[in-house]
Amino acid sequence: MKDVSAVHARPELLQVAEAVARDKNISQEEVLEAMEQAIQKAGRSKYGHEHDIRATIDRKSGEISLARHIEVVEDVENEITQLTLDAAKKKKPDVEVGDFLVDPLPPIDFGRIAAQTAKQVIVQKVREAERARHYQEYKDRIGEVVNGLVKRVEFGNVIIDLGRAEGLMRRDETIPREHFNNGDRVRAYIVDVREEARGPQIFLSRTHPQFMAKLFAQEVPEIYDGIIEIKSVARDAGSRAKIAVQSHDSSIDPVGPCIGMRGSRVQAIVGELQGEKIDIIQWSPDAATFIVNALAPAEVAKVVLDEETNRIEVVVPDEQLSLAIGRRGQNVRLASQLSGWDIDILTEAEESERRQEEFLTRSKMLIEALDVDDVIAHLLVTEGFSSVEEVAFIPVEDLSEIEGFDEDVASELRERARAFLETRDEELTRKRKELDVADDLAEVEGVTPALLVVLGENGVKTRDDLADLAGDELMEIV
């Protein structure tokens, strides 16, 4: 039979625990565990913190049991909380090492200080449980748009009440010139949810590109249904944005539904984003076409892609240059972000001048290397030859197809190109040896004779020297 002196019936505890759990939206078990820890702390304050005193609350009756636990061990390290097996067997014959002897204690009378301490423990534990629930609830909601009320503004950072939790929108995540007052309703995008010392932090944003994408999904049923897909978004928050869309149904134009009847859909989003101008662009799998679309409203005359460096040169009419670049480079910057390509913009006059310079430079190089007149050099450059190597290793039949060239001329040009490269490589090899650059470095794949000389001049003479170079150091040398 249970020792009545060790039990303190408190059926109202279960009612309080249930009410707190319902109010804080946490489990009743968590509240009861917090209460047990509070009673346990009060018990240790009365009987001594060195004792292993534990409290339990009966989950059906609300009875509070307080007891001292003494561990049965082989060798005693702490005489207050441990007991040898022989001594323990005198109290309980069937006890074994690792078991606990439980001594019931009389119920404690909560004084003012003990009650205050217990209250603090319960409040702290309930708060921790509440924070854990917030984190579990919101950690999988990153990327969602949520609604909330502005609770307060601290140094430009906005604290938003999301109902069951609070979100933080930092100053740099708010749209420029946007002002919030307490009680304002606001929509924002959940960027991140992190567990921190002061509890879980829900970070919100109104400047994130995906915030705009989510707003379009809410306003445009075709996007929500997956008929139209948002491929990419680029934003200069509060000023201008570009959004690329693609239709998975050939009968539906992707741009029209996003604009809506008389612009109703896009205007609703513009209003939400404080008047941010939005360009809706049709996405294309062809990079050149997509970038031409992305640079709208500017007209593009020509594009030249360099897929190796992910760079594209865009040639626009002289009068379209300022429109293509945009105010403070905004148009070309957003187009670059949208497409993922680095974009260089040239006017037709600049491109013509540069092409002329390249033509003359390449012609001069071929005249000197191949010992030919300017007519032949000009023909080669016009056909797209930009280096001696290209002339040296092209099949004779391809070279003889150039207007004015026969097989004899083609063969002679190729022989001269190869002779030039051979002489140049011999000279570079001589320089390399003078610089004491190791032969094994010359065997590294991709290292040319000219590069070996440059490396030698910069003190890189062995494979070990090359391995010791940082990436940026090597780029500077090259």
Protein backbone atom coordinates (compact mmCIF):
# COMPACT_ATOMS: atom_id res chain seq x y z
CA MET A 1 0.00 0.00 0.00
CA LYS A 2 1.32 3.44 -0.90
CA ASP A 3 2.71 5.53 1.96
CA VAL A 4 0.12 8.28 2.47
CA SER A 5 2.73 10.64 3.95
CA ALA A 6 4.60 10.66 0.65
CA VAL A 7 1.56 11.51 -1.44
CA HIS A 8 -0.05 14.88 -1.92
CA ALA A 9 -3.30 14.71 -3.90
CA ARG A 10 -3.82 17.65 -6.23
CA PRO A 11 -6.49 16.77 -8.83
CA GLU A 12 -6.67 20.43 -9.87
CA LEU A 13 -3.10 20.13 -11.22
CA LEU A 14 -4.37 18.08 -14.15
CA GLN A 15 -6.98 20.74 -14.94
CA VAL A 16 -4.34 23.49 -14.83
CA ALA A 17 -1.96 21.46 -17.00
CA GLU A 18 -4.73 20.83 -19.54
CA ALA A 19 -5.67 24.53 -19.63
CA VAL A 20 -2.03 25.65 -20.08
CA ALA A 21 -1.43 23.03 -22.79
CA ARG A 22 -4.55 24.14 -24.66
CA ASP A 23 -3.67 27.83 -24.33
CA LYS A 24 -0.03 27.41 -25.45
CA ASN A 25 -0.87 24.72 -28.01
CA ILE A 26 1.60 22.23 -26.54
CA SER A 27 1.04 18.73 -25.12
CA GLN A 28 -0.29 18.24 -21.58
CA GLU A 29 2.59 15.81 -20.96
CA GLU A 30 5.12 18.62 -21.49
CA VAL A 31 3.30 20.82 -18.96
CA LEU A 32 3.17 18.02 -16.37
CA GLU A 33 6.89 17.32 -16.86
CA ALA A 34 7.58 21.02 -16.25
CA MET A 35 5.52 20.85 -13.05
CA GLU A 36 7.41 17.76 -11.89
CA GLN A 37 10.73 19.53 -12.42
CA ALA A 38 9.46 22.56 -10.48
CA ILE A 39 8.35 20.42 -7.50
CA GLN A 40 11.62 18.51 -7.72
CA LYS A 41 13.60 21.77 -7.54
CA ALA A 42 11.57 22.93 -4.53
CA GLY A 43 12.17 19.55 -2.84
CA ARG A 44 15.92 19.79 -3.35
CA SER A 45 15.87 23.32 -1.94
CA LYS A 46 14.28 21.94 1.26
CA TYR A 47 16.17 18.65 1.70
CA GLY A 48 19.49 19.66 0.11
CA HIS A 49 20.64 19.97 -3.50
CA GLU A 50 23.11 17.13 -3.02
CA HIS A 51 20.25 14.59 -2.77
CA ASP A 52 18.71 12.88 -5.81
CA ILE A 53 15.12 13.92 -5.15
CA ARG A 54 12.49 13.23 -7.78
CA ALA A 55 8.86 14.20 -8.07
CA THR A 56 6.11 12.48 -10.03
CA ILE A 57 2.54 13.51 -10.75
CA ASP A 58 0.03 10.75 -11.25
CA ARG A 59 -1.46 11.25 -14.72
CA LYS A 60 -4.92 10.07 -13.59
CA SER A 61 -5.41 11.42 -10.06
CA GLY A 62 -2.98 14.33 -9.98
CA GLU A 63 -1.29 12.95 -6.86
CA ILE A 64 2.20 14.32 -6.21
CA SER A 65 4.80 11.81 -5.00
CA LEU A 66 8.15 13.02 -3.69
CA ALA A 67 10.98 10.53 -3.07
CA ARG A 68 14.73 10.32 -2.57
CA HIS A 69 16.56 7.94 -4.94
CA ILE A 70 19.75 6.17 -3.85
CA GLU A 71 21.71 4.24 -6.48
CA VAL A 72 23.11 0.79 -5.69
CA VAL A 73 26.75 0.55 -6.84
CA GLU A 74 29.87 -1.63 -6.39
CA ASP A 75 32.12 1.25 -5.29
CA VAL A 76 30.66 4.32 -3.63
CA GLU A 77 31.82 7.66 -5.05
CA ASN A 78 29.10 9.82 -3.50
CA GLU A 79 27.90 8.70 -0.06
CA ILE A 80 24.73 10.82 -0.23
CA THR A 81 23.33 9.47 -3.52
CA GLN A 82 24.96 6.01 -3.63
CA LEU A 83 25.00 2.88 -1.50
CA THR A 84 26.98 -0.39 -1.63
CA LEU A 85 25.21 -3.60 -2.57
CA ASP A 86 25.71 -5.13 0.91
CA ALA A 87 24.23 -2.11 2.69
CA ALA A 88 21.34 -1.97 0.22
CA LYS A 89 20.47 -5.66 0.71
CA LYS A 90 19.82 -4.94 4.40
CA LYS A 91 17.01 -2.62 3.33
CA LYS A 92 15.81 -4.59 0.28
CA PRO A 93 17.09 -8.18 -0.07
CA ASP A 94 16.37 -8.59 -3.83
CA VAL A 95 18.15 -5.36 -4.91
CA GLU A 96 20.89 -5.48 -7.58
CA VAL A 97 23.70 -3.17 -8.74
CA GLY A 98 22.21 -0.40 -10.88
CA ASP A 99 18.86 -0.40 -9.07
CA PHE A 100 17.61 2.53 -7.00
CA LEU A 101 16.33 2.47 -3.44
CA VAL A 102 13.35 4.80 -3.24
CA ASP A 103 12.69 6.56 0.08
CA PRO A 104 9.32 8.34 0.08
CA LEU A 105 9.38 11.88 1.49
CA PRO A 106 6.55 13.82 3.12
CA PRO A 107 4.87 16.42 0.89
CA ILE A 108 6.52 19.82 1.11
CA ASP A 109 4.73 22.99 2.05
CA PHE A 110 5.44 25.53 -0.70
CA GLY A 111 6.59 28.77 0.89
CA ARG A 112 6.54 32.07 -0.99
CA ILE A 113 10.08 31.71 -2.35
CA ALA A 114 9.65 28.01 -3.23
CA ALA A 115 6.39 28.77 -5.01
CA GLN A 116 8.03 31.62 -6.96
CA THR A 117 10.92 29.33 -7.95
CA ALA A 118 8.48 26.63 -9.06
CA LYS A 119 6.53 29.15 -11.10
CA GLN A 120 9.71 30.32 -12.87
CA VAL A 121 10.67 26.72 -13.72
CA ILE A 122 7.21 25.97 -15.09
CA VAL A 123 7.10 29.19 -17.15
CA GLN A 124 10.60 28.50 -18.54
CA LYS A 125 9.82 24.89 -19.47
CA VAL A 126 6.48 25.81 -21.06
CA ARG A 127 8.23 28.55 -23.07
CA GLU A 128 10.88 26.08 -24.26
CA ALA A 129 8.17 23.60 -25.29
CA GLU A 130 6.35 26.38 -27.12
CA ARG A 131 9.54 27.38 -28.97
CA ALA A 132 10.22 23.77 -29.94
CA ARG A 133 6.70 23.52 -31.35
CA HIS A 134 7.18 26.75 -33.32
CA TYR A 135 10.38 25.41 -34.84
CA GLN A 136 8.78 22.08 -35.77
CA GLU A 137 5.79 23.87 -37.27
CA TYR A 138 7.73 26.37 -39.40
CA LYS A 139 10.97 24.53 -40.35
CA ASP A 140 9.20 22.80 -43.26
CA ARG A 141 7.42 25.99 -44.38
CA ILE A 142 10.49 27.73 -45.83
CA GLY A 143 9.48 29.11 -49.22
CA GLU A 144 5.86 29.83 -48.27
CA VAL A 145 4.11 33.20 -48.21
CA VAL A 146 2.51 34.00 -44.83
CA ASN A 147 0.19 36.73 -43.57
CA GLY A 148 0.69 38.52 -40.28
CA LEU A 149 0.20 41.70 -38.29
CA VAL A 150 2.98 44.16 -37.50
CA LYS A 151 3.66 43.83 -33.78
CA ARG A 152 6.42 46.41 -33.49
CA VAL A 153 9.23 48.07 -35.45
CA GLU A 154 12.74 48.13 -33.93
CA PHE A 155 15.46 50.13 -35.72
CA GLY A 156 13.87 49.41 -39.10
CA ASN A 157 13.47 45.68 -38.34
CA VAL A 158 9.81 44.60 -38.36
CA ILE A 159 8.48 42.03 -35.86
CA ILE A 160 5.43 40.32 -37.35
CA ASP A 161 2.85 38.33 -35.38
CA LEU A 162 2.07 35.20 -37.44
CA GLY A 163 -0.60 33.98 -35.03
CA ARG A 164 1.23 31.19 -33.23
CA ALA A 165 4.72 32.60 -33.67
CA GLU A 166 6.64 35.78 -34.42
CA GLY A 167 8.61 36.46 -37.60
CA LEU A 168 11.48 38.90 -38.12
CA MET A 169 11.78 40.97 -41.27
CA ARG A 170 15.11 42.80 -41.27
CA ARG A 171 15.43 46.28 -42.70
CA ASP A 172 17.27 45.04 -45.83
CA GLU A 173 14.43 42.56 -46.50
CA THR A 174 11.79 45.31 -46.66
CA ILE A 175 10.98 47.15 -49.88
CA PRO A 176 12.64 50.61 -50.01
CA ARG A 177 10.38 53.50 -48.93
CA GLU A 178 7.97 50.99 -47.36
CA HIS A 179 6.66 52.13 -43.97
CA PHE A 180 4.96 49.94 -41.38
CA ASN A 181 2.77 50.86 -38.40
CA ASN A 182 1.71 48.62 -35.52
CA GLY A 183 -1.31 46.57 -36.52
CA ASP A 184 -0.66 46.75 -40.29
CA ARG A 185 -1.45 43.53 -42.13
CA VAL A 186 1.52 42.32 -44.15
CA ARG A 187 2.39 39.47 -46.51
CA ALA A 188 5.94 38.11 -46.56
CA TYR A 189 8.05 35.17 -47.73
CA ILE A 190 9.66 32.74 -45.25
CA VAL A 191 13.36 32.81 -46.16
CA ASP A 192 14.77 30.75 -43.30
CA VAL A 193 13.91 29.20 -39.94
CA ARG A 194 16.81 28.75 -37.53
CA GLU A 195 17.15 27.53 -33.95
CA GLU A 196 19.02 30.12 -31.91
CA ALA A 197 19.81 30.62 -28.22
CA ARG A 198 16.81 32.91 -27.75
CA GLY A 199 14.51 30.44 -29.52
CA PRO A 200 13.61 29.67 -33.13
CA GLN A 201 13.88 32.66 -35.47
CA ILE A 202 11.58 32.89 -38.50
CA PHE A 203 13.18 35.19 -41.06
CA LEU A 204 10.82 36.91 -43.50
CA SER A 205 11.40 38.89 -46.69
CA ARG A 206 9.48 41.06 -49.13
CA THR A 207 12.47 41.63 -51.44
CA HIS A 208 13.24 37.98 -52.25
CA PRO A 209 12.70 37.10 -55.95
CA GLN A 210 10.65 34.05 -54.96
CA PHE A 211 8.21 36.30 -53.06
CA MET A 212 7.14 37.71 -56.42
CA ALA A 213 6.97 34.21 -57.93
CA LYS A 214 4.65 33.08 -55.11
CA LEU A 215 2.44 36.15 -55.55
CA PHE A 216 2.07 35.32 -59.26
CA ALA A 217 1.16 31.74 -58.33
CA GLN A 218 -1.59 33.10 -56.06
CA GLU A 219 -2.93 35.56 -58.65
CA VAL A 220 -2.61 33.45 -61.83
CA PRO A 221 -4.53 30.12 -61.77
CA GLU A 222 -2.57 28.84 -64.79
CA ILE A 223 0.68 29.09 -62.79
CA TYR A 224 -0.90 27.46 -59.73
CA ASP A 225 -2.18 24.60 -61.93
CA GLY A 226 1.24 24.12 -63.56
CA ILE A 227 0.15 25.06 -67.09
CA ILE A 228 2.49 28.05 -67.00
CA GLU A 229 5.86 27.72 -65.24
CA ILE A 230 7.95 30.54 -63.77
CA LYS A 231 11.48 29.81 -64.98
CA SER A 232 13.34 32.65 -63.27
CA VAL A 233 12.84 35.97 -61.48
CA ALA A 234 15.15 38.99 -61.13
CA ARG A 235 14.23 41.92 -58.88
CA ASP A 236 15.45 45.35 -58.00
CA ALA A 237 13.01 45.54 -55.09
CA GLY A 238 10.66 48.51 -55.13
CA SER A 239 11.85 49.68 -58.55
CA ARG A 240 11.73 47.08 -61.32
CA ALA A 241 11.58 43.34 -61.89
CA LYS A 242 11.70 40.81 -64.71
CA ILE A 243 10.00 37.43 -64.64
CA ALA A 244 10.45 34.70 -67.27
CA VAL A 245 7.52 32.36 -67.94
CA GLN A 246 7.00 29.30 -70.10
CA SER A 247 3.77 27.61 -71.18
CA HIS A 248 3.47 23.81 -71.15
CA ASP A 249 0.37 24.09 -73.34
CA SER A 250 1.13 25.24 -76.90
CA SER A 251 -2.36 26.76 -77.20
CA ILE A 252 -1.81 29.12 -74.24
CA ASP A 253 0.40 32.19 -74.44
CA PRO A 254 2.42 32.38 -71.19
CA VAL A 255 2.53 36.19 -70.97
CA GLY A 256 -1.18 37.05 -71.44
CA PRO A 257 -2.60 35.16 -68.42
CA CYS A 258 0.08 36.69 -66.17
CA ILE A 259 -1.01 40.20 -67.21
CA GLY A 260 -4.71 39.47 -66.90
CA MET A 261 -7.73 41.30 -68.33
CA ARG A 262 -6.66 44.96 -68.70
CA GLY A 263 -3.65 44.21 -66.52
CA SER A 264 -5.75 43.25 -63.50
CA ARG A 265 -3.56 40.38 -62.30
CA VAL A 266 -0.20 42.05 -62.68
CA GLN A 267 -1.55 45.30 -61.19
CA ALA A 268 -2.60 43.45 -58.04
CA ILE A 269 1.02 42.30 -57.61
CA VAL A 270 2.40 45.74 -58.48
CA GLY A 271 0.18 47.20 -55.75
CA GLU A 272 1.42 44.64 -53.21
CA LEU A 273 5.05 45.50 -54.13
CA GLN A 274 4.68 49.27 -53.74
CA GLY A 275 4.49 50.09 -57.46
CA GLU A 276 7.40 47.90 -58.62
CA LYS A 277 7.39 47.80 -62.44
CA ILE A 278 7.27 44.22 -63.74
CA ASP A 279 8.42 43.00 -67.17
CA ILE A 280 6.87 39.62 -68.04
CA ILE A 281 9.10 37.83 -70.54
CA GLN A 282 8.59 34.66 -72.55
CA TRP A 283 11.29 32.12 -71.69
CA SER A 284 13.11 30.31 -74.50
CA PRO A 285 15.46 27.29 -74.40
CA ASP A 286 17.62 29.17 -76.91
CA ALA A 287 19.89 31.44 -74.84
CA ALA A 288 20.24 34.11 -77.52
CA THR A 289 16.46 34.41 -78.04
CA PHE A 290 15.84 34.48 -74.29
CA ILE A 291 18.41 37.23 -73.69
CA VAL A 292 17.00 39.31 -76.57
CA ASN A 293 13.56 38.96 -74.90
CA ALA A 294 15.03 39.76 -71.48
CA LEU A 295 16.54 43.04 -72.70
CA ALA A 296 13.12 44.34 -73.78
CA PRO A 297 12.05 47.06 -74.35
CA ALA A 298 15.43 47.63 -76.10
CA GLU A 299 15.81 46.33 -79.67
CA VAL A 300 18.79 44.05 -80.33
CA ALA A 301 20.61 43.96 -83.68
CA LYS A 302 22.94 41.01 -83.08
CA VAL A 303 24.19 38.66 -80.36
CA VAL A 304 27.46 36.70 -80.07
CA LEU A 305 27.57 33.86 -77.50
CA ASP A 306 30.66 32.47 -75.80
CA GLU A 307 29.40 29.32 -74.08
CA GLU A 308 32.78 28.49 -72.51
CA THR A 309 32.82 31.67 -70.41
CA ASN A 310 28.99 31.93 -70.23
CA ARG A 311 29.26 35.40 -71.73
CA ILE A 312 27.22 37.07 -74.46
CA GLU A 313 27.87 40.22 -76.48
CA VAL A 314 24.76 42.12 -77.48
CA VAL A 315 24.91 44.68 -80.28
CA VAL A 316 22.20 47.36 -80.25
CA PRO A 317 21.56 50.38 -82.49
CA ASP A 318 23.30 53.54 -81.23
CA GLU A 319 20.03 55.20 -80.21
CA GLN A 320 18.97 52.09 -78.21
CA LEU A 321 22.09 51.94 -75.98
CA SER A 322 20.72 53.89 -73.01
CA LEU A 323 17.44 51.93 -73.16
CA ALA A 324 19.28 48.58 -73.24
CA ILE A 325 21.52 49.49 -70.29
CA GLY A 326 18.73 51.14 -68.30
CA ARG A 327 18.93 53.62 -65.46
CA ARG A 328 22.11 52.90 -63.47
CA GLY A 329 22.54 49.69 -65.49
CA GLN A 330 19.26 48.30 -64.16
CA ASN A 331 17.91 46.75 -67.38
CA VAL A 332 21.07 44.85 -68.33
CA ARG A 333 21.69 43.82 -64.70
CA LEU A 334 18.22 42.31 -64.34
CA ALA A 335 18.50 40.62 -67.75
CA SER A 336 21.82 39.11 -66.66
CA GLN A 337 20.34 37.84 -63.36
CA LEU A 338 17.30 36.46 -65.18
CA SER A 339 19.29 34.57 -67.81
CA GLY A 340 22.36 33.62 -65.78
CA TRP A 341 24.65 34.99 -68.53
CA ASP A 342 27.17 37.83 -68.31
CA ILE A 343 26.01 40.42 -70.85
CA ASP A 344 28.22 42.97 -72.61
CA ILE A 345 26.37 45.64 -74.57
CA LEU A 346 27.92 47.38 -77.58
CA THR A 347 26.56 49.85 -80.06
CA GLU A 348 26.74 49.02 -83.75
CA ALA A 349 29.42 51.70 -84.18
CA GLU A 350 31.54 50.29 -81.33
CA GLU A 351 31.18 46.76 -82.62
CA SER A 352 32.14 47.84 -86.15
CA GLU A 353 35.20 49.66 -84.85
CA ARG A 354 36.27 46.72 -82.70
CA ARG A 355 35.78 44.24 -85.54
CA GLN A 356 37.91 46.45 -87.77
CA GLU A 357 40.68 46.52 -85.15
CA GLU A 358 40.50 42.72 -84.75
CA PHE A 359 40.58 42.29 -88.54
CA LEU A 360 43.71 44.43 -88.89
CA THR A 361 45.45 42.79 -85.90
CA ARG A 362 44.79 39.26 -87.15
CA SER A 363 45.77 40.20 -90.71
CA LYS A 364 49.07 41.67 -89.49
CA MET A 365 49.77 38.53 -87.42
CA LEU A 366 49.17 36.23 -90.42
CA ILE A 367 51.24 38.43 -92.76
CA GLU A 368 54.22 38.20 -90.39
CA ALA A 369 53.82 34.52 -89.53
CA LEU A 370 53.10 33.14 -93.00
CA ASP A 371 55.09 35.71 -95.03
CA VAL A 372 52.11 36.44 -97.31
CA ASP A 373 50.69 39.64 -98.76
CA ASP A 374 47.76 41.49 -97.25
CA VAL A 375 45.25 40.10 -99.81
CA ILE A 376 45.77 36.48 -98.71
CA ALA A 377 45.82 37.49 -95.03
CA HIS A 378 42.56 39.40 -95.44
CA LEU A 379 40.95 36.40 -97.16
CA LEU A 380 41.97 34.10 -94.30
CA VAL A 381 40.67 36.47 -91.62
CA THR A 382 37.42 36.97 -93.54
CA GLU A 383 36.95 33.17 -93.56
CA GLY A 384 37.25 33.14 -89.75
CA PHE A 385 40.91 32.20 -89.19
CA SER A 386 42.17 33.91 -86.03
CA SER A 387 45.43 32.04 -85.31
CA VAL A 388 48.35 30.33 -87.08
CA GLU A 389 47.38 27.03 -85.41
CA GLU A 390 44.04 27.05 -87.24
CA VAL A 391 45.82 27.38 -90.60
CA ALA A 392 48.42 24.72 -89.72
CA PHE A 393 45.99 21.95 -88.81
CA ILE A 394 43.03 22.47 -91.18
CA PRO A 395 42.61 19.84 -93.91
CA VAL A 396 44.01 21.02 -97.29
CA GLU A 397 40.68 20.39 -99.04
CA ASP A 398 38.90 22.77 -96.62
CA LEU A 399 41.52 25.46 -97.10
CA SER A 400 41.42 25.10 -100.91
CA GLU A 401 37.67 25.79 -100.90
CA ILE A 402 38.39 29.46 -100.15
CA GLU A 403 37.77 31.54 -103.24
CA GLY A 404 41.09 32.22 -105.06
CA PHE A 405 42.94 29.31 -103.34
CA ASP A 406 43.88 26.06 -105.09
CA GLU A 407 45.44 22.96 -103.53
CA ASP A 408 48.98 24.20 -104.14
CA VAL A 409 48.32 27.50 -102.36
CA ALA A 410 46.52 25.72 -99.54
CA SER A 411 49.38 23.22 -99.09
CA GLU A 412 51.98 25.99 -99.15
CA LEU A 413 50.09 28.05 -96.54
CA ARG A 414 49.75 25.02 -94.28
CA GLU A 415 53.44 24.15 -94.60
CA ARG A 416 54.44 27.76 -93.80
CA ALA A 417 52.13 27.75 -90.75
CA ARG A 418 53.63 24.50 -89.47
CA ALA A 419 57.16 25.73 -90.07
CA PHE A 420 56.40 28.91 -88.15
CA LEU A 421 54.97 26.97 -85.19
CA GLU A 422 57.94 24.58 -85.19
CA THR A 423 60.43 27.46 -85.16
CA ARG A 424 58.47 29.25 -82.44
CA ASP A 425 58.26 26.12 -80.27
CA GLU A 426 62.01 25.50 -80.66
CA GLU A 427 62.70 29.06 -79.54
CA LEU A 428 60.32 28.70 -76.59
CA THR A 429 61.90 25.34 -75.61
CA ARG A 430 65.35 26.97 -75.67
CA LYS A 431 64.09 29.78 -73.42
CA ARG A 432 62.47 27.22 -71.09
CA LYS A 433 65.73 25.34 -70.68
CA GLU A 434 67.59 28.58 -70.05
CA LEU A 435 65.12 29.27 -67.25
CA ASP A 436 65.72 25.74 -65.81
CA VAL A 437 62.06 24.72 -66.09
CA ALA A 438 61.85 20.95 -65.43
CA ASP A 439 60.93 18.59 -68.28
CA ASP A 440 58.23 16.90 -66.19
CA LEU A 441 56.38 20.23 -65.98
CA ALA A 442 56.24 20.26 -69.78
CA GLU A 443 54.37 16.93 -69.65
CA VAL A 444 51.46 18.41 -67.67
CA GLU A 445 48.33 18.32 -69.82
CA GLY A 446 47.30 21.70 -71.19
CA VAL A 447 50.66 23.41 -70.53
CA THR A 448 51.93 24.97 -73.79
CA PRO A 449 55.57 25.94 -74.54
CA ALA A 450 54.61 29.63 -74.28
CA LEU A 451 53.00 29.02 -70.87
CA LEU A 452 56.12 27.16 -69.67
CA VAL A 453 58.26 30.21 -70.42
CA VAL A 454 55.81 32.49 -68.58
CA LEU A 455 55.80 30.12 -65.58
CA GLY A 456 59.61 29.97 -65.60
CA GLU A 457 59.87 33.76 -65.68
CA ASN A 458 57.65 33.83 -62.57
CA GLY A 459 59.75 31.29 -60.65
CA VAL A 460 57.52 28.24 -61.27
CA LYS A 461 60.00 25.61 -62.50
CA THR A 462 58.79 22.26 -61.16
CA ARG A 463 55.52 20.40 -60.62
CA ASP A 464 55.88 21.06 -56.89
CA ASP A 465 56.15 24.81 -57.55
CA LEU A 466 52.97 24.59 -59.66
CA ALA A 467 51.15 22.59 -56.97
CA ASP A 468 52.07 25.20 -54.32
CA LEU A 469 50.38 28.00 -56.29
CA ALA A 470 46.95 29.17 -55.19
CA GLY A 471 44.33 29.42 -57.93
CA ASP A 472 44.29 33.21 -57.96
CA GLU A 473 48.12 33.33 -58.07
CA LEU A 474 48.12 31.07 -61.14
CA MET A 475 45.46 33.24 -62.80
CA GLU A 476 47.62 36.34 -62.24
CA ILE A 477 50.64 34.65 -63.87
CA VAL A 478 48.63 33.35 -66.81
